[in-house]
Amino acid sequence: MFGSVKQIQQMQQRLLKAQEELANETVEVTAGGGVIKVIITGNQQVKQITIAPEAVDPSDVAMLEDLMVAAVNEAIAKSQELAAKRMGAVTGNLRLPGM
């Protein structure tokens, strides 16, 4: 089905390497016309959130919260797309449990 034990071990090694590389790759997302910026790794670890001073309006905290949620959710989605692309290149887009 998947090939020899050696082929499976090679795939596992490539998967581990791809996972390590994803930890070092980042995607950047902005929201609110660029007033919010989120940088996240390929394994969904938020590295940085930047908020422009003009986004901070004490009378409208709800808007800032909404922008933050939108930016973080978009960053996670893009990070997951990056991970799927990288892992798919290793697995040949096989549907493996836990991947």
N, C-alpha and C. Protein backbone atom coordinates (compact mmCIF):
# COMPACT_ATOMS: atom_id res chain seq x y z
N MET A 1 0.83 -1.20 0.00
CA MET A 1 0.00 0.00 0.00
C MET A 1 0.87 1.26 0.00
N PHE A 2 1.76 1.40 0.98
CA PHE A 2 2.61 2.59 1.08
C PHE A 2 4.02 2.33 0.59
N GLY A 3 4.38 1.09 0.31
CA GLY A 3 5.73 0.78 -0.11
C GLY A 3 6.49 0.07 0.99
N SER A 4 7.78 -0.01 0.80
CA SER A 4 8.62 -0.74 1.76
C SER A 4 8.79 0.03 3.05
N VAL A 5 9.30 -0.68 4.06
CA VAL A 5 9.57 -0.07 5.35
C VAL A 5 10.57 1.07 5.17
N LYS A 6 11.56 0.87 4.32
CA LYS A 6 12.56 1.91 4.07
C LYS A 6 11.91 3.16 3.49
N GLN A 7 10.98 2.99 2.57
CA GLN A 7 10.28 4.14 1.98
C GLN A 7 9.46 4.88 3.04
N ILE A 8 8.82 4.11 3.91
CA ILE A 8 8.02 4.72 4.99
C ILE A 8 8.93 5.50 5.93
N GLN A 9 10.07 4.94 6.28
CA GLN A 9 11.02 5.63 7.16
C GLN A 9 11.54 6.91 6.50
N GLN A 10 11.79 6.85 5.20
CA GLN A 10 12.25 8.05 4.49
C GLN A 10 11.16 9.12 4.50
N MET A 11 9.92 8.70 4.31
CA MET A 11 8.82 9.66 4.34
C MET A 11 8.70 10.27 5.73
N GLN A 12 8.85 9.45 6.78
CA GLN A 12 8.79 9.98 8.14
C GLN A 12 9.88 11.02 8.37
N GLN A 13 11.07 10.75 7.88
CA GLN A 13 12.18 11.70 8.02
C GLN A 13 11.88 13.00 7.28
N ARG A 14 11.31 12.86 6.08
CA ARG A 14 10.97 14.07 5.31
C ARG A 14 9.86 14.85 6.01
N LEU A 15 8.90 14.14 6.63
CA LEU A 15 7.83 14.80 7.36
C LEU A 15 8.39 15.57 8.56
N LEU A 16 9.29 14.94 9.30
CA LEU A 16 9.90 15.62 10.44
C LEU A 16 10.67 16.86 10.00
N LYS A 17 11.40 16.73 8.91
CA LYS A 17 12.16 17.87 8.39
C LYS A 17 11.20 19.00 7.96
N ALA A 18 10.11 18.63 7.29
CA ALA A 18 9.13 19.63 6.86
C ALA A 18 8.51 20.32 8.07
N GLN A 19 8.23 19.58 9.14
CA GLN A 19 7.67 20.17 10.34
C GLN A 19 8.66 21.14 10.98
N GLU A 20 9.93 20.77 11.01
CA GLU A 20 10.96 21.67 11.55
C GLU A 20 11.05 22.95 10.71
N GLU A 21 11.00 22.79 9.40
CA GLU A 21 11.07 23.96 8.52
C GLU A 21 9.87 24.87 8.70
N LEU A 22 8.69 24.28 8.90
CA LEU A 22 7.48 25.08 9.12
C LEU A 22 7.60 25.95 10.36
N ALA A 23 8.30 25.45 11.36
CA ALA A 23 8.48 26.24 12.59
C ALA A 23 9.30 27.50 12.31
N ASN A 24 10.09 27.49 11.25
CA ASN A 24 10.93 28.64 10.91
C ASN A 24 10.34 29.52 9.81
N GLU A 25 9.29 29.05 9.15
CA GLU A 25 8.65 29.84 8.10
C GLU A 25 7.53 30.67 8.72
N THR A 26 7.33 31.85 8.18
CA THR A 26 6.26 32.70 8.71
C THR A 26 5.38 33.21 7.59
N VAL A 27 4.17 33.56 7.97
CA VAL A 27 3.26 34.29 7.09
C VAL A 27 2.87 35.56 7.83
N GLU A 28 2.60 36.60 7.06
CA GLU A 28 2.23 37.90 7.63
C GLU A 28 0.87 38.29 7.09
N VAL A 29 0.00 38.74 7.99
CA VAL A 29 -1.36 39.13 7.63
C VAL A 29 -1.62 40.50 8.23
N THR A 30 -2.35 41.32 7.49
CA THR A 30 -2.77 42.62 8.02
C THR A 30 -4.29 42.70 8.01
N ALA A 31 -4.81 43.55 8.86
CA ALA A 31 -6.26 43.80 8.92
C ALA A 31 -6.47 45.29 9.15
N GLY A 32 -7.66 45.73 8.83
CA GLY A 32 -8.01 47.13 9.05
C GLY A 32 -7.18 48.08 8.22
N GLY A 33 -6.89 47.68 6.99
CA GLY A 33 -6.10 48.54 6.12
C GLY A 33 -4.64 48.63 6.56
N GLY A 34 -4.19 47.63 7.29
CA GLY A 34 -2.79 47.58 7.69
C GLY A 34 -2.52 48.05 9.11
N VAL A 35 -3.54 48.42 9.86
CA VAL A 35 -3.30 48.91 11.22
C VAL A 35 -3.01 47.77 12.21
N ILE A 36 -3.37 46.56 11.83
CA ILE A 36 -3.07 45.38 12.64
C ILE A 36 -2.22 44.46 11.77
N LYS A 37 -1.12 43.96 12.31
CA LYS A 37 -0.28 43.01 11.59
C LYS A 37 0.00 41.83 12.51
N VAL A 38 -0.17 40.62 11.96
CA VAL A 38 0.12 39.40 12.70
C VAL A 38 1.12 38.59 11.90
N ILE A 39 2.16 38.13 12.59
CA ILE A 39 3.14 37.23 11.99
C ILE A 39 3.04 35.91 12.75
N ILE A 40 2.87 34.83 11.98
CA ILE A 40 2.66 33.51 12.57
C ILE A 40 3.53 32.50 11.82
N THR A 41 3.98 31.48 12.54
CA THR A 41 4.82 30.46 11.92
C THR A 41 3.96 29.45 11.17
N GLY A 42 4.63 28.62 10.40
CA GLY A 42 3.94 27.57 9.67
C GLY A 42 3.37 26.48 10.55
N ASN A 43 3.72 26.49 11.83
CA ASN A 43 3.10 25.54 12.75
C ASN A 43 2.20 26.26 13.76
N GLN A 44 1.62 27.37 13.32
CA GLN A 44 0.57 28.13 14.02
C GLN A 44 1.00 28.69 15.37
N GLN A 45 2.21 29.19 15.46
CA GLN A 45 2.67 29.89 16.65
C GLN A 45 2.75 31.38 16.33
N VAL A 46 1.96 32.19 17.01
CA VAL A 46 1.99 33.63 16.78
C VAL A 46 3.33 34.17 17.27
N LYS A 47 4.04 34.85 16.37
CA LYS A 47 5.35 35.39 16.69
C LYS A 47 5.27 36.88 17.05
N GLN A 48 4.38 37.60 16.38
CA GLN A 48 4.31 39.04 16.61
C GLN A 48 2.94 39.57 16.23
N ILE A 49 2.47 40.50 17.03
CA ILE A 49 1.26 41.26 16.71
C ILE A 49 1.64 42.73 16.84
N THR A 50 1.38 43.48 15.79
CA THR A 50 1.67 44.91 15.79
C THR A 50 0.36 45.67 15.62
N ILE A 51 0.18 46.68 16.46
CA ILE A 51 -1.02 47.52 16.40
C ILE A 51 -0.57 48.96 16.19
N ALA A 52 -1.01 49.55 15.10
CA ALA A 52 -0.68 50.95 14.83
C ALA A 52 -1.40 51.84 15.83
N PRO A 53 -0.75 52.90 16.27
CA PRO A 53 -1.37 53.79 17.27
C PRO A 53 -2.76 54.28 16.87
N GLU A 54 -2.97 54.54 15.58
CA GLU A 54 -4.27 55.05 15.15
C GLU A 54 -5.38 54.01 15.29
N ALA A 55 -5.04 52.75 15.50
CA ALA A 55 -6.06 51.72 15.70
C ALA A 55 -6.57 51.70 17.14
N VAL A 56 -5.87 52.37 18.01
CA VAL A 56 -6.24 52.37 19.43
C VAL A 56 -7.14 53.56 19.72
N ASP A 57 -8.42 53.28 19.83
CA ASP A 57 -9.42 54.30 20.13
C ASP A 57 -10.13 53.85 21.41
N PRO A 58 -9.81 54.47 22.54
CA PRO A 58 -10.42 54.04 23.81
C PRO A 58 -11.95 54.04 23.80
N SER A 59 -12.54 54.82 22.91
CA SER A 59 -14.01 54.85 22.86
C SER A 59 -14.58 53.74 21.97
N ASP A 60 -13.69 53.00 21.27
CA ASP A 60 -14.17 51.93 20.38
C ASP A 60 -13.27 50.71 20.49
N VAL A 61 -13.15 50.19 21.68
CA VAL A 61 -12.32 49.01 21.92
C VAL A 61 -12.87 47.81 21.15
N ALA A 62 -14.16 47.72 20.98
CA ALA A 62 -14.78 46.59 20.27
C ALA A 62 -14.25 46.48 18.84
N MET A 63 -14.04 47.61 18.17
CA MET A 63 -13.52 47.56 16.80
C MET A 63 -12.11 46.97 16.79
N LEU A 64 -11.28 47.39 17.72
CA LEU A 64 -9.92 46.87 17.81
C LEU A 64 -9.94 45.37 18.10
N GLU A 65 -10.82 44.95 18.98
CA GLU A 65 -10.95 43.53 19.27
C GLU A 65 -11.36 42.74 18.03
N ASP A 66 -12.33 43.29 17.28
CA ASP A 66 -12.78 42.62 16.05
C ASP A 66 -11.64 42.52 15.04
N LEU A 67 -10.86 43.59 14.90
CA LEU A 67 -9.73 43.57 13.97
C LEU A 67 -8.69 42.53 14.39
N MET A 68 -8.44 42.44 15.69
CA MET A 68 -7.48 41.46 16.19
C MET A 68 -7.95 40.03 15.90
N VAL A 69 -9.21 39.76 16.16
CA VAL A 69 -9.76 38.43 15.90
C VAL A 69 -9.66 38.11 14.41
N ALA A 70 -10.03 39.05 13.57
CA ALA A 70 -9.97 38.83 12.12
C ALA A 70 -8.53 38.57 11.66
N ALA A 71 -7.59 39.35 12.15
CA ALA A 71 -6.20 39.19 11.74
C ALA A 71 -5.63 37.85 12.21
N VAL A 72 -5.88 37.49 13.45
CA VAL A 72 -5.34 36.23 13.98
C VAL A 72 -5.98 35.05 13.25
N ASN A 73 -7.28 35.08 13.03
CA ASN A 73 -7.94 33.98 12.32
C ASN A 73 -7.43 33.84 10.89
N GLU A 74 -7.23 34.96 10.20
CA GLU A 74 -6.69 34.90 8.84
C GLU A 74 -5.25 34.38 8.85
N ALA A 75 -4.47 34.79 9.84
CA ALA A 75 -3.09 34.32 9.94
C ALA A 75 -3.06 32.81 10.17
N ILE A 76 -3.92 32.32 11.03
CA ILE A 76 -3.98 30.87 11.29
C ILE A 76 -4.35 30.13 10.01
N ALA A 77 -5.34 30.63 9.29
CA ALA A 77 -5.76 29.98 8.05
C ALA A 77 -4.62 29.95 7.04
N LYS A 78 -3.90 31.06 6.89
CA LYS A 78 -2.78 31.10 5.94
C LYS A 78 -1.66 30.18 6.39
N SER A 79 -1.42 30.11 7.68
CA SER A 79 -0.40 29.22 8.22
C SER A 79 -0.78 27.76 7.96
N GLN A 80 -2.04 27.44 8.13
CA GLN A 80 -2.50 26.08 7.87
C GLN A 80 -2.38 25.73 6.39
N GLU A 81 -2.66 26.70 5.51
CA GLU A 81 -2.50 26.49 4.08
C GLU A 81 -1.03 26.21 3.74
N LEU A 82 -0.14 27.00 4.33
CA LEU A 82 1.29 26.79 4.12
C LEU A 82 1.70 25.40 4.59
N ALA A 83 1.25 25.00 5.77
CA ALA A 83 1.59 23.68 6.31
C ALA A 83 1.04 22.57 5.41
N ALA A 84 -0.19 22.71 4.96
CA ALA A 84 -0.79 21.69 4.09
C ALA A 84 -0.01 21.57 2.79
N LYS A 85 0.41 22.70 2.25
CA LYS A 85 1.18 22.69 1.01
C LYS A 85 2.52 21.98 1.21
N ARG A 86 3.22 22.34 2.29
CA ARG A 86 4.54 21.74 2.55
C ARG A 86 4.42 20.25 2.85
N MET A 87 3.45 19.88 3.68
CA MET A 87 3.28 18.48 4.04
C MET A 87 2.76 17.68 2.86
N GLY A 88 1.91 18.28 2.05
CA GLY A 88 1.41 17.60 0.85
C GLY A 88 2.52 17.30 -0.13
N ALA A 89 3.51 18.18 -0.20
CA ALA A 89 4.65 17.94 -1.09
C ALA A 89 5.44 16.71 -0.63
N VAL A 90 5.45 16.46 0.67
CA VAL A 90 6.19 15.31 1.21
C VAL A 90 5.38 14.03 1.05
N THR A 91 4.10 14.11 1.32
CA THR A 91 3.27 12.90 1.34
C THR A 91 2.61 12.60 0.00
N GLY A 92 2.77 13.47 -0.97
CA GLY A 92 2.06 13.28 -2.22
C GLY A 92 0.58 13.48 -2.04
N ASN A 93 0.22 14.31 -1.06
CA ASN A 93 -1.17 14.64 -0.72
C ASN A 93 -1.99 13.44 -0.24
N LEU A 94 -1.29 12.43 0.32
CA LEU A 94 -2.01 11.32 0.94
C LEU A 94 -2.72 11.82 2.18
N ARG A 95 -3.85 11.26 2.48
CA ARG A 95 -4.57 11.60 3.71
C ARG A 95 -4.05 10.69 4.82
N LEU A 96 -3.10 11.18 5.61
CA LEU A 96 -2.54 10.38 6.68
C LEU A 96 -3.18 10.78 7.99
N PRO A 97 -3.49 9.81 8.85
CA PRO A 97 -4.08 10.15 10.16
C PRO A 97 -3.17 11.10 10.94
N GLY A 98 -3.76 12.11 11.54
CA GLY A 98 -2.99 13.06 12.35
C GLY A 98 -2.28 14.13 11.56
N MET A 99 -2.45 14.20 10.27
CA MET A 99 -1.76 15.20 9.46
C MET A 99 -2.74 16.23 8.96
